[in-house]
Amino acid sequence: MSDGEKSGFLSKVIGPKKRWRAYKARVKELPENYRTVVEAIEQYLMHFVPTDSDSSASMFEDLADLFEQATANGTPIREIVGEDPVEFVEAFVQNYSEGGYVPPRARKRLIEAIGRAAGEDTGKADKAV
């Protein structure tokens, strides 16, 4: 993939750079556990290739809107994403794009990250030496 192709692909995934930077600044202002969830969802969403950059930018901006409002209202994370974060994200993304294949490992990372952010034991034992 040439630099031009990479740039075009990234632009399609994240949208215009100016909007992406504004979105990232908004996410940075969220409380740590909400920010962790948004970043986990963001990483998961990178497996989807939106149909256009405007749709992609809107998707990330709406994600920030959702978590900013939840923060302001004191809404618990599980009330937002439910018990199945993969189902939540896949329903969320349907409003913006025809999704792509998501590897099972990405699904597992999303579930574990949200569980930790929600203050739950994810069943992953710490390996202390």
N, C-alpha and C. Protein backbone atom coordinates (compact mmCIF):
# COMPACT_ATOMS: atom_id res chain seq x y z
N MET A 1 0.86 -1.17 0.00
CA MET A 1 0.00 0.00 0.00
C MET A 1 0.91 1.24 0.00
N SER A 2 0.69 2.12 -0.95
CA SER A 2 1.49 3.34 -1.03
C SER A 2 1.05 4.32 0.05
N ASP A 3 1.89 5.36 0.28
CA ASP A 3 1.53 6.37 1.28
C ASP A 3 0.20 7.03 0.96
N GLY A 4 -0.05 7.29 -0.32
CA GLY A 4 -1.32 7.91 -0.72
C GLY A 4 -2.50 7.01 -0.44
N GLU A 5 -2.32 5.70 -0.69
CA GLU A 5 -3.40 4.75 -0.41
C GLU A 5 -3.64 4.64 1.10
N LYS A 6 -2.54 4.61 1.88
CA LYS A 6 -2.68 4.55 3.34
C LYS A 6 -3.41 5.77 3.87
N SER A 7 -3.02 6.93 3.35
CA SER A 7 -3.64 8.18 3.77
C SER A 7 -5.14 8.18 3.44
N GLY A 8 -5.47 7.72 2.24
CA GLY A 8 -6.87 7.66 1.83
C GLY A 8 -7.66 6.69 2.68
N PHE A 9 -7.06 5.54 2.99
CA PHE A 9 -7.72 4.54 3.82
C PHE A 9 -7.94 5.09 5.23
N LEU A 10 -6.89 5.66 5.83
CA LEU A 10 -7.03 6.23 7.18
C LEU A 10 -8.07 7.33 7.21
N SER A 11 -8.07 8.17 6.20
CA SER A 11 -9.05 9.24 6.11
C SER A 11 -10.46 8.66 6.06
N LYS A 12 -10.61 7.53 5.37
CA LYS A 12 -11.92 6.89 5.28
C LYS A 12 -12.33 6.31 6.62
N VAL A 13 -11.36 5.77 7.36
CA VAL A 13 -11.65 5.15 8.65
C VAL A 13 -11.95 6.20 9.72
N ILE A 14 -11.13 7.26 9.79
CA ILE A 14 -11.28 8.23 10.89
C ILE A 14 -11.95 9.53 10.48
N GLY A 15 -12.06 9.79 9.18
CA GLY A 15 -12.64 11.04 8.72
C GLY A 15 -11.58 12.12 8.60
N PRO A 16 -11.99 13.34 8.33
CA PRO A 16 -11.04 14.44 8.20
C PRO A 16 -10.21 14.63 9.47
N LYS A 17 -8.91 14.91 9.31
CA LYS A 17 -8.00 15.02 10.45
C LYS A 17 -8.46 16.05 11.48
N LYS A 18 -8.97 17.17 11.01
CA LYS A 18 -9.40 18.23 11.94
C LYS A 18 -10.53 17.72 12.84
N ARG A 19 -11.48 17.01 12.27
CA ARG A 19 -12.58 16.46 13.06
C ARG A 19 -12.07 15.36 14.00
N TRP A 20 -11.12 14.56 13.51
CA TRP A 20 -10.56 13.49 14.34
C TRP A 20 -9.86 14.08 15.56
N ARG A 21 -9.08 15.11 15.35
CA ARG A 21 -8.36 15.75 16.47
C ARG A 21 -9.34 16.36 17.47
N ALA A 22 -10.40 16.96 16.98
CA ALA A 22 -11.41 17.55 17.87
C ALA A 22 -12.09 16.44 18.68
N TYR A 23 -12.39 15.32 18.02
CA TYR A 23 -12.99 14.17 18.71
C TYR A 23 -12.04 13.66 19.80
N LYS A 24 -10.76 13.49 19.48
CA LYS A 24 -9.79 12.97 20.44
C LYS A 24 -9.65 13.92 21.64
N ALA A 25 -9.71 15.21 21.40
CA ALA A 25 -9.64 16.19 22.50
C ALA A 25 -10.85 16.04 23.42
N ARG A 26 -12.01 15.80 22.85
CA ARG A 26 -13.22 15.61 23.66
C ARG A 26 -13.11 14.34 24.51
N VAL A 27 -12.62 13.27 23.91
CA VAL A 27 -12.47 12.00 24.63
C VAL A 27 -11.49 12.15 25.78
N LYS A 28 -10.43 12.91 25.56
CA LYS A 28 -9.41 13.13 26.58
C LYS A 28 -10.00 13.78 27.84
N GLU A 29 -11.06 14.53 27.69
CA GLU A 29 -11.70 15.23 28.81
C GLU A 29 -12.63 14.35 29.62
N LEU A 30 -12.94 13.16 29.14
CA LEU A 30 -13.85 12.26 29.86
C LEU A 30 -13.15 11.69 31.10
N PRO A 31 -13.93 11.33 32.13
CA PRO A 31 -13.33 10.63 33.28
C PRO A 31 -12.64 9.34 32.79
N GLU A 32 -11.64 8.91 33.52
CA GLU A 32 -10.80 7.80 33.07
C GLU A 32 -11.57 6.55 32.65
N ASN A 33 -12.53 6.09 33.45
CA ASN A 33 -13.23 4.86 33.09
C ASN A 33 -14.09 5.02 31.83
N TYR A 34 -14.71 6.16 31.64
CA TYR A 34 -15.48 6.41 30.42
C TYR A 34 -14.53 6.52 29.22
N ARG A 35 -13.41 7.19 29.43
CA ARG A 35 -12.41 7.34 28.37
C ARG A 35 -11.89 5.95 27.94
N THR A 36 -11.66 5.08 28.92
CA THR A 36 -11.20 3.72 28.63
C THR A 36 -12.20 2.99 27.74
N VAL A 37 -13.48 3.13 28.06
CA VAL A 37 -14.52 2.48 27.27
C VAL A 37 -14.55 3.05 25.85
N VAL A 38 -14.52 4.37 25.73
CA VAL A 38 -14.56 4.99 24.39
C VAL A 38 -13.35 4.54 23.58
N GLU A 39 -12.18 4.49 24.20
CA GLU A 39 -10.98 4.08 23.47
C GLU A 39 -11.05 2.61 23.07
N ALA A 40 -11.65 1.76 23.90
CA ALA A 40 -11.83 0.34 23.54
C ALA A 40 -12.80 0.22 22.37
N ILE A 41 -13.88 0.98 22.41
CA ILE A 41 -14.84 0.97 21.31
C ILE A 41 -14.18 1.50 20.04
N GLU A 42 -13.42 2.57 20.18
CA GLU A 42 -12.70 3.16 19.05
C GLU A 42 -11.79 2.13 18.39
N GLN A 43 -11.03 1.41 19.21
CA GLN A 43 -10.13 0.39 18.67
C GLN A 43 -10.93 -0.69 17.93
N TYR A 44 -12.04 -1.08 18.50
CA TYR A 44 -12.91 -2.08 17.86
C TYR A 44 -13.45 -1.55 16.54
N LEU A 45 -13.84 -0.29 16.52
CA LEU A 45 -14.42 0.31 15.31
C LEU A 45 -13.41 0.43 14.18
N MET A 46 -12.13 0.37 14.48
CA MET A 46 -11.11 0.46 13.44
C MET A 46 -11.16 -0.75 12.50
N HIS A 47 -11.89 -1.79 12.88
CA HIS A 47 -12.04 -2.97 12.03
C HIS A 47 -13.16 -2.80 11.01
N PHE A 48 -13.90 -1.75 11.13
CA PHE A 48 -14.99 -1.48 10.20
C PHE A 48 -14.51 -0.44 9.19
N VAL A 49 -14.85 -0.62 7.95
CA VAL A 49 -14.47 0.36 6.93
C VAL A 49 -15.75 1.07 6.52
N PRO A 50 -15.91 2.32 6.94
CA PRO A 50 -17.12 3.06 6.61
C PRO A 50 -17.22 3.35 5.12
N THR A 51 -18.41 3.67 4.70
CA THR A 51 -18.62 3.93 3.28
C THR A 51 -18.06 5.29 2.88
N ASP A 52 -17.94 6.22 3.79
CA ASP A 52 -17.36 7.52 3.47
C ASP A 52 -16.81 8.17 4.74
N SER A 53 -15.90 9.12 4.55
CA SER A 53 -15.23 9.73 5.70
C SER A 53 -16.18 10.58 6.54
N ASP A 54 -17.18 11.19 5.93
CA ASP A 54 -18.15 11.97 6.71
C ASP A 54 -18.93 11.08 7.66
N SER A 55 -19.32 9.92 7.17
CA SER A 55 -20.04 8.96 8.00
C SER A 55 -19.18 8.51 9.16
N SER A 56 -17.91 8.26 8.88
CA SER A 56 -16.97 7.83 9.91
C SER A 56 -16.79 8.91 10.97
N ALA A 57 -16.54 10.14 10.54
CA ALA A 57 -16.35 11.24 11.47
C ALA A 57 -17.59 11.43 12.34
N SER A 58 -18.76 11.35 11.74
CA SER A 58 -20.01 11.49 12.49
C SER A 58 -20.16 10.39 13.53
N MET A 59 -19.76 9.17 13.16
CA MET A 59 -19.85 8.04 14.07
C MET A 59 -19.02 8.29 15.34
N PHE A 60 -17.77 8.73 15.17
CA PHE A 60 -16.92 8.98 16.33
C PHE A 60 -17.42 10.18 17.13
N GLU A 61 -17.89 11.21 16.46
CA GLU A 61 -18.44 12.38 17.18
C GLU A 61 -19.67 12.00 17.99
N ASP A 62 -20.52 11.15 17.41
CA ASP A 62 -21.71 10.70 18.14
C ASP A 62 -21.33 9.83 19.34
N LEU A 63 -20.27 9.05 19.20
CA LEU A 63 -19.78 8.25 20.31
C LEU A 63 -19.33 9.17 21.46
N ALA A 64 -18.59 10.22 21.12
CA ALA A 64 -18.16 11.19 22.13
C ALA A 64 -19.38 11.86 22.77
N ASP A 65 -20.37 12.25 21.95
CA ASP A 65 -21.60 12.86 22.48
C ASP A 65 -22.26 11.95 23.51
N LEU A 66 -22.38 10.68 23.16
CA LEU A 66 -23.04 9.70 24.02
C LEU A 66 -22.35 9.62 25.39
N PHE A 67 -21.02 9.54 25.37
CA PHE A 67 -20.31 9.38 26.64
C PHE A 67 -20.17 10.69 27.40
N GLU A 68 -20.16 11.82 26.71
CA GLU A 68 -20.19 13.11 27.42
C GLU A 68 -21.51 13.27 28.16
N GLN A 69 -22.60 12.92 27.48
CA GLN A 69 -23.92 13.03 28.10
C GLN A 69 -24.04 12.05 29.27
N ALA A 70 -23.53 10.83 29.09
CA ALA A 70 -23.58 9.84 30.17
C ALA A 70 -22.78 10.32 31.38
N THR A 71 -21.64 10.94 31.13
CA THR A 71 -20.83 11.49 32.22
C THR A 71 -21.61 12.57 32.96
N ALA A 72 -22.20 13.48 32.21
CA ALA A 72 -22.96 14.58 32.81
C ALA A 72 -24.14 14.07 33.64
N ASN A 73 -24.76 12.97 33.18
CA ASN A 73 -25.92 12.41 33.88
C ASN A 73 -25.55 11.39 34.95
N GLY A 74 -24.26 11.02 35.01
CA GLY A 74 -23.83 10.00 35.97
C GLY A 74 -24.31 8.60 35.61
N THR A 75 -24.52 8.36 34.34
CA THR A 75 -25.01 7.06 33.88
C THR A 75 -23.89 6.02 33.98
N PRO A 76 -24.13 4.91 34.66
CA PRO A 76 -23.11 3.86 34.75
C PRO A 76 -22.78 3.26 33.38
N ILE A 77 -21.56 2.81 33.23
CA ILE A 77 -21.09 2.26 31.95
C ILE A 77 -21.99 1.13 31.46
N ARG A 78 -22.34 0.20 32.34
CA ARG A 78 -23.16 -0.94 31.92
C ARG A 78 -24.56 -0.51 31.46
N GLU A 79 -25.03 0.62 31.96
CA GLU A 79 -26.32 1.13 31.48
C GLU A 79 -26.20 1.62 30.05
N ILE A 80 -25.02 2.03 29.66
CA ILE A 80 -24.79 2.50 28.30
C ILE A 80 -24.58 1.32 27.35
N VAL A 81 -23.63 0.47 27.68
CA VAL A 81 -23.23 -0.60 26.74
C VAL A 81 -23.95 -1.92 26.98
N GLY A 82 -24.64 -2.06 28.11
CA GLY A 82 -25.32 -3.32 28.39
C GLY A 82 -24.36 -4.42 28.79
N GLU A 83 -24.87 -5.62 28.84
CA GLU A 83 -24.06 -6.77 29.24
C GLU A 83 -23.20 -7.29 28.10
N ASP A 84 -23.56 -6.97 26.86
CA ASP A 84 -22.81 -7.46 25.70
C ASP A 84 -22.28 -6.27 24.90
N PRO A 85 -21.05 -5.83 25.20
CA PRO A 85 -20.51 -4.65 24.52
C PRO A 85 -20.37 -4.84 23.01
N VAL A 86 -20.12 -6.07 22.56
CA VAL A 86 -19.99 -6.32 21.13
C VAL A 86 -21.33 -6.04 20.44
N GLU A 87 -22.40 -6.52 21.05
CA GLU A 87 -23.74 -6.28 20.50
C GLU A 87 -24.03 -4.77 20.46
N PHE A 88 -23.66 -4.06 21.54
CA PHE A 88 -23.87 -2.61 21.59
C PHE A 88 -23.14 -1.92 20.44
N VAL A 89 -21.85 -2.23 20.28
CA VAL A 89 -21.05 -1.55 19.26
C VAL A 89 -21.53 -1.91 17.86
N GLU A 90 -21.87 -3.16 17.63
CA GLU A 90 -22.32 -3.54 16.30
C GLU A 90 -23.67 -2.90 15.96
N ALA A 91 -24.54 -2.73 16.95
CA ALA A 91 -25.80 -2.01 16.71
C ALA A 91 -25.51 -0.53 16.46
N PHE A 92 -24.58 0.04 17.22
CA PHE A 92 -24.19 1.44 17.06
C PHE A 92 -23.66 1.70 15.66
N VAL A 93 -22.77 0.85 15.18
CA VAL A 93 -22.10 1.07 13.90
C VAL A 93 -23.06 0.87 12.71
N GLN A 94 -24.11 0.11 12.88
CA GLN A 94 -25.06 -0.12 11.79
C GLN A 94 -25.69 1.18 11.30
N ASN A 95 -25.72 2.18 12.15
CA ASN A 95 -26.28 3.46 11.75
C ASN A 95 -25.39 4.23 10.79
N TYR A 96 -24.15 3.79 10.63
CA TYR A 96 -23.18 4.57 9.87
C TYR A 96 -22.57 3.84 8.68
N SER A 97 -22.57 2.53 8.67
CA SER A 97 -21.78 1.86 7.67
C SER A 97 -22.15 0.39 7.55
N GLU A 98 -21.72 -0.15 6.44
CA GLU A 98 -21.71 -1.60 6.30
C GLU A 98 -20.42 -2.02 6.98
N GLY A 99 -20.51 -2.77 8.04
CA GLY A 99 -19.33 -3.13 8.82
C GLY A 99 -18.44 -4.14 8.13
N GLY A 100 -17.30 -4.34 8.71
CA GLY A 100 -16.34 -5.31 8.22
C GLY A 100 -16.21 -6.45 9.20
N TYR A 101 -15.37 -7.37 8.86
CA TYR A 101 -15.11 -8.52 9.73
C TYR A 101 -14.31 -8.05 10.94
N VAL A 102 -14.69 -8.53 12.10
CA VAL A 102 -13.95 -8.20 13.31
C VAL A 102 -13.40 -9.51 13.89
N PRO A 103 -12.08 -9.60 14.04
CA PRO A 103 -11.48 -10.83 14.58
C PRO A 103 -11.95 -11.10 16.00
N PRO A 104 -12.09 -12.38 16.36
CA PRO A 104 -12.52 -12.72 17.72
C PRO A 104 -11.64 -12.09 18.80
N ARG A 105 -10.35 -11.94 18.54
CA ARG A 105 -9.44 -11.33 19.50
C ARG A 105 -9.84 -9.89 19.81
N ALA A 106 -10.28 -9.15 18.79
CA ALA A 106 -10.72 -7.77 18.98
C ALA A 106 -11.99 -7.74 19.84
N ARG A 107 -12.88 -8.70 19.63
CA ARG A 107 -14.10 -8.78 20.43
C ARG A 107 -13.73 -9.02 21.90
N LYS A 108 -12.80 -9.94 22.13
CA LYS A 108 -12.38 -10.26 23.50
C LYS A 108 -11.76 -9.05 24.18
N ARG A 109 -10.90 -8.31 23.45
CA ARG A 109 -10.27 -7.11 24.03
C ARG A 109 -11.32 -6.08 24.42
N LEU A 110 -12.33 -5.91 23.57
CA LEU A 110 -13.40 -4.96 23.86
C LEU A 110 -14.14 -5.36 25.13
N ILE A 111 -14.52 -6.61 25.23
CA ILE A 111 -15.27 -7.10 26.39
C ILE A 111 -14.46 -6.93 27.66
N GLU A 112 -13.18 -7.28 27.62
CA GLU A 112 -12.33 -7.18 28.81
C GLU A 112 -12.10 -5.72 29.21
N ALA A 113 -11.86 -4.85 28.24
CA ALA A 113 -11.61 -3.43 28.55
C ALA A 113 -12.83 -2.78 29.19
N ILE A 114 -14.00 -3.08 28.67
CA ILE A 114 -15.22 -2.49 29.23
C ILE A 114 -15.51 -3.07 30.61
N GLY A 115 -15.26 -4.36 30.78
CA GLY A 115 -15.45 -4.97 32.10
C GLY A 115 -14.56 -4.31 33.14
N ARG A 116 -13.29 -4.08 32.79
CA ARG A 116 -12.37 -3.42 33.73
C ARG A 116 -12.84 -2.00 34.02
N ALA A 117 -13.23 -1.27 32.98
CA ALA A 117 -13.67 0.12 33.17
C ALA A 117 -14.94 0.20 34.01
N ALA A 118 -15.77 -0.82 33.91
CA ALA A 118 -17.01 -0.85 34.68
C ALA A 118 -16.78 -1.34 36.10
N GLY A 119 -15.50 -1.66 36.41
CA GLY A 119 -15.16 -2.09 37.76
C GLY A 119 -15.49 -3.54 38.03
N GLU A 120 -15.51 -4.35 36.97
CA GLU A 120 -15.85 -5.76 37.12
C GLU A 120 -14.59 -6.61 37.01
N ASP A 121 -14.64 -7.79 37.62
CA ASP A 121 -13.56 -8.76 37.46
C ASP A 121 -13.81 -9.45 36.13
N THR A 122 -12.87 -9.34 35.22
CA THR A 122 -13.06 -9.91 33.89
C THR A 122 -12.68 -11.38 33.82
N GLY A 123 -12.30 -11.95 34.97
CA GLY A 123 -11.94 -13.36 34.98
C GLY A 123 -10.51 -13.60 34.54
N LYS A 124 -9.82 -12.56 34.24
CA LYS A 124 -8.43 -12.68 33.79
C LYS A 124 -7.55 -12.52 35.03
N ALA A 125 -6.93 -13.59 35.44
CA ALA A 125 -6.10 -13.56 36.66
C ALA A 125 -4.82 -12.79 36.41
N ASP A 126 -4.44 -11.98 37.41
CA ASP A 126 -3.15 -11.28 37.32
C ASP A 126 -2.05 -12.31 37.54
N LYS A 127 -1.03 -12.20 36.72
CA LYS A 127 0.09 -13.13 36.83
C LYS A 127 1.26 -12.43 37.49
N ALA A 128 1.31 -12.47 38.81
CA ALA A 128 2.40 -11.84 39.55
C ALA A 128 3.55 -12.82 39.67
N VAL A 129 4.75 -12.29 39.50
CA VAL A 129 5.93 -13.16 39.59
C VAL A 129 6.56 -13.02 40.95
